[in-house]
């Protein structure tokens, strides 16, 4: 895939003037087995914790409520 096209100085200046700022984002490399394994363990721990607390259900309901409010 490679790196994205670099912005020209003019494009960069325009975006900055419009209130944007550059960021760099790193994401897990899912092509590596060790990363997938670690994420699997983390997801398992989240599921097990949620069984005890129900926090993900509460979060999901909150997000749904916010979405409903947004679309009303």
N, C-alpha and C. Protein backbone atom coordinates (compact mmCIF):
# COMPACT_ATOMS: atom_id res chain seq x y z
N UNK A 1 0.82 -1.18 0.00
CA UNK A 1 0.00 0.00 0.00
C UNK A 1 0.87 1.25 0.00
N UNK A 2 1.90 1.26 0.77
CA UNK A 2 2.80 2.41 0.75
C UNK A 2 2.30 3.60 1.54
N UNK A 3 3.09 4.64 1.50
CA UNK A 3 2.73 5.86 2.23
C UNK A 3 1.76 6.69 1.41
N UNK A 4 0.91 7.47 2.08
CA UNK A 4 0.00 8.34 1.33
C UNK A 4 0.78 9.45 0.64
N UNK A 5 0.16 10.03 -0.34
CA UNK A 5 0.77 11.15 -1.07
C UNK A 5 1.02 12.30 -0.10
N UNK A 6 2.18 12.89 -0.19
CA UNK A 6 2.51 14.03 0.66
C UNK A 6 1.76 15.27 0.16
N UNK A 7 1.31 16.10 1.10
CA UNK A 7 0.63 17.34 0.73
C UNK A 7 1.64 18.37 0.24
N UNK A 8 1.17 19.21 -0.65
CA UNK A 8 2.00 20.34 -1.04
C UNK A 8 1.98 21.36 0.09
N UNK A 9 2.91 22.30 0.06
CA UNK A 9 2.92 23.36 1.08
C UNK A 9 1.61 24.14 1.06
N UNK A 10 1.07 24.36 -0.13
CA UNK A 10 -0.20 25.11 -0.25
C UNK A 10 -1.37 24.33 0.36
N UNK A 11 -1.43 23.03 0.07
CA UNK A 11 -2.50 22.20 0.64
C UNK A 11 -2.41 22.16 2.16
N UNK A 12 -1.21 22.01 2.66
CA UNK A 12 -0.99 21.97 4.10
C UNK A 12 -1.40 23.30 4.74
N UNK A 13 -1.00 24.41 4.15
CA UNK A 13 -1.35 25.74 4.67
C UNK A 13 -2.87 25.94 4.67
N UNK A 14 -3.53 25.49 3.62
CA UNK A 14 -4.98 25.63 3.54
C UNK A 14 -5.68 24.83 4.64
N UNK A 15 -5.24 23.60 4.86
CA UNK A 15 -5.85 22.78 5.91
C UNK A 15 -5.61 23.39 7.29
N UNK A 16 -4.40 23.86 7.54
CA UNK A 16 -4.11 24.51 8.82
C UNK A 16 -4.98 25.74 9.01
N UNK A 17 -5.15 26.52 7.95
CA UNK A 17 -5.98 27.73 8.02
C UNK A 17 -7.44 27.39 8.29
N UNK A 18 -7.87 26.21 7.85
CA UNK A 18 -9.27 25.78 8.07
C UNK A 18 -9.46 25.13 9.43
N UNK A 19 -8.39 25.08 10.25
CA UNK A 19 -8.52 24.56 11.60
C UNK A 19 -8.16 23.10 11.77
N UNK A 20 -7.56 22.49 10.76
CA UNK A 20 -7.13 21.10 10.86
C UNK A 20 -5.71 21.05 11.39
N UNK A 21 -5.38 19.91 11.99
CA UNK A 21 -3.99 19.72 12.42
C UNK A 21 -3.57 18.31 12.04
N UNK A 22 -2.31 18.15 11.68
CA UNK A 22 -1.85 16.82 11.27
C UNK A 22 -1.65 15.91 12.48
N UNK A 23 -1.98 14.65 12.30
CA UNK A 23 -1.74 13.63 13.34
C UNK A 23 -1.20 12.39 12.65
N UNK A 24 -0.51 11.58 13.42
CA UNK A 24 -0.04 10.29 12.93
C UNK A 24 -0.71 9.23 13.79
N UNK A 25 -1.31 8.24 13.15
CA UNK A 25 -2.03 7.21 13.88
C UNK A 25 -1.39 5.85 13.60
N UNK A 26 -1.12 5.14 14.68
CA UNK A 26 -0.58 3.79 14.57
C UNK A 26 -1.67 2.81 14.95
N UNK A 27 -1.81 1.76 14.18
CA UNK A 27 -2.83 0.75 14.43
C UNK A 27 -2.17 -0.62 14.52
N UNK A 28 -2.84 -1.58 15.16
CA UNK A 28 -2.27 -2.92 15.26
C UNK A 28 -2.04 -3.53 13.86
N UNK A 29 -0.94 -4.21 13.70
CA UNK A 29 -0.61 -4.89 12.45
C UNK A 29 -1.21 -6.29 12.49
N UNK A 30 -2.42 -6.42 11.94
CA UNK A 30 -3.14 -7.68 12.02
C UNK A 30 -2.56 -8.77 11.13
N UNK A 31 -1.54 -8.43 10.35
CA UNK A 31 -0.89 -9.47 9.55
C UNK A 31 0.08 -10.30 10.39
N UNK A 32 0.36 -9.86 11.61
CA UNK A 32 1.29 -10.59 12.50
C UNK A 32 0.50 -11.45 13.48
N UNK A 33 0.85 -12.72 13.52
CA UNK A 33 0.14 -13.68 14.38
C UNK A 33 0.22 -13.28 15.85
N UNK A 34 1.38 -12.78 16.30
CA UNK A 34 1.51 -12.43 17.71
C UNK A 34 0.59 -11.26 18.09
N UNK A 35 0.36 -10.36 17.16
CA UNK A 35 -0.56 -9.24 17.42
C UNK A 35 -1.99 -9.77 17.51
N UNK A 36 -2.37 -10.62 16.57
CA UNK A 36 -3.72 -11.21 16.60
C UNK A 36 -3.93 -12.01 17.88
N UNK A 37 -2.91 -12.77 18.29
CA UNK A 37 -3.01 -13.56 19.52
C UNK A 37 -3.21 -12.65 20.74
N UNK A 38 -2.42 -11.58 20.82
CA UNK A 38 -2.54 -10.65 21.95
C UNK A 38 -3.91 -9.97 21.97
N UNK A 39 -4.38 -9.56 20.79
CA UNK A 39 -5.71 -8.95 20.72
C UNK A 39 -6.78 -9.94 21.12
N UNK A 40 -6.62 -11.19 20.73
CA UNK A 40 -7.58 -12.22 21.13
C UNK A 40 -7.64 -12.37 22.64
N UNK A 41 -6.47 -12.37 23.28
CA UNK A 41 -6.44 -12.46 24.75
C UNK A 41 -7.09 -11.24 25.39
N UNK A 42 -6.82 -10.07 24.83
CA UNK A 42 -7.41 -8.85 25.38
C UNK A 42 -8.93 -8.85 25.22
N UNK A 43 -9.41 -9.30 24.06
CA UNK A 43 -10.85 -9.37 23.84
C UNK A 43 -11.51 -10.39 24.77
N UNK A 44 -10.83 -11.50 24.99
CA UNK A 44 -11.36 -12.51 25.92
C UNK A 44 -11.46 -11.92 27.32
N UNK A 45 -10.44 -11.18 27.74
CA UNK A 45 -10.47 -10.56 29.07
C UNK A 45 -11.60 -9.54 29.17
N UNK A 46 -11.83 -8.79 28.09
CA UNK A 46 -12.92 -7.81 28.09
C UNK A 46 -14.26 -8.52 28.21
N UNK A 47 -14.45 -9.60 27.43
CA UNK A 47 -15.71 -10.35 27.50
C UNK A 47 -15.94 -10.91 28.89
N UNK A 48 -14.89 -11.48 29.48
CA UNK A 48 -15.03 -12.07 30.81
C UNK A 48 -15.33 -10.99 31.85
N UNK A 49 -14.69 -9.84 31.73
CA UNK A 49 -14.94 -8.75 32.67
C UNK A 49 -16.38 -8.25 32.51
N UNK A 50 -16.86 -8.21 31.27
CA UNK A 50 -18.20 -7.71 31.03
C UNK A 50 -19.26 -8.65 31.58
N UNK A 51 -18.99 -9.94 31.54
CA UNK A 51 -19.94 -10.90 32.11
C UNK A 51 -20.17 -10.57 33.59
N UNK A 52 -19.09 -10.15 34.26
CA UNK A 52 -19.20 -9.83 35.69
C UNK A 52 -19.85 -8.47 35.93
N UNK A 53 -19.58 -7.49 35.04
CA UNK A 53 -20.02 -6.11 35.33
C UNK A 53 -21.17 -5.62 34.46
N UNK A 54 -21.29 -6.15 33.25
CA UNK A 54 -22.31 -5.65 32.33
C UNK A 54 -21.98 -4.28 31.76
N UNK A 55 -20.74 -3.83 31.92
CA UNK A 55 -20.36 -2.48 31.51
C UNK A 55 -20.53 -2.25 30.01
N UNK A 56 -20.20 -3.26 29.19
CA UNK A 56 -20.35 -3.06 27.75
C UNK A 56 -21.82 -2.90 27.36
N UNK A 57 -22.71 -3.61 28.05
CA UNK A 57 -24.14 -3.43 27.78
C UNK A 57 -24.56 -2.01 28.12
N UNK A 58 -24.10 -1.51 29.27
CA UNK A 58 -24.45 -0.13 29.65
C UNK A 58 -23.87 0.87 28.67
N UNK A 59 -22.62 0.66 28.24
CA UNK A 59 -22.01 1.55 27.27
C UNK A 59 -22.78 1.53 25.96
N UNK A 60 -23.15 0.33 25.51
CA UNK A 60 -23.90 0.20 24.28
C UNK A 60 -25.23 0.94 24.35
N UNK A 61 -25.92 0.81 25.48
CA UNK A 61 -27.19 1.52 25.66
C UNK A 61 -26.98 3.03 25.65
N UNK A 62 -25.91 3.49 26.27
CA UNK A 62 -25.61 4.92 26.30
C UNK A 62 -25.36 5.44 24.89
N UNK A 63 -24.58 4.69 24.11
CA UNK A 63 -24.28 5.10 22.74
C UNK A 63 -25.57 5.12 21.91
N UNK A 64 -26.43 4.13 22.09
CA UNK A 64 -27.69 4.10 21.37
C UNK A 64 -28.55 5.30 21.74
N UNK A 65 -28.58 5.64 23.04
CA UNK A 65 -29.34 6.80 23.48
C UNK A 65 -28.80 8.08 22.86
N UNK A 66 -27.47 8.21 22.83
CA UNK A 66 -26.86 9.40 22.23
C UNK A 66 -27.18 9.46 20.74
N UNK A 67 -27.13 8.32 20.06
CA UNK A 67 -27.45 8.28 18.64
C UNK A 67 -28.91 8.68 18.41
N UNK A 68 -29.80 8.19 19.27
CA UNK A 68 -31.21 8.55 19.15
C UNK A 68 -31.39 10.06 19.32
N UNK A 69 -30.71 10.62 20.33
CA UNK A 69 -30.80 12.06 20.58
C UNK A 69 -30.26 12.85 19.38
N UNK A 70 -29.18 12.37 18.78
CA UNK A 70 -28.55 13.04 17.66
C UNK A 70 -29.47 13.05 16.46
N UNK A 71 -30.18 11.95 16.24
CA UNK A 71 -31.03 11.83 15.05
C UNK A 71 -32.43 12.39 15.26
N UNK A 72 -32.73 12.83 16.46
CA UNK A 72 -34.07 13.38 16.72
C UNK A 72 -34.17 14.82 16.29
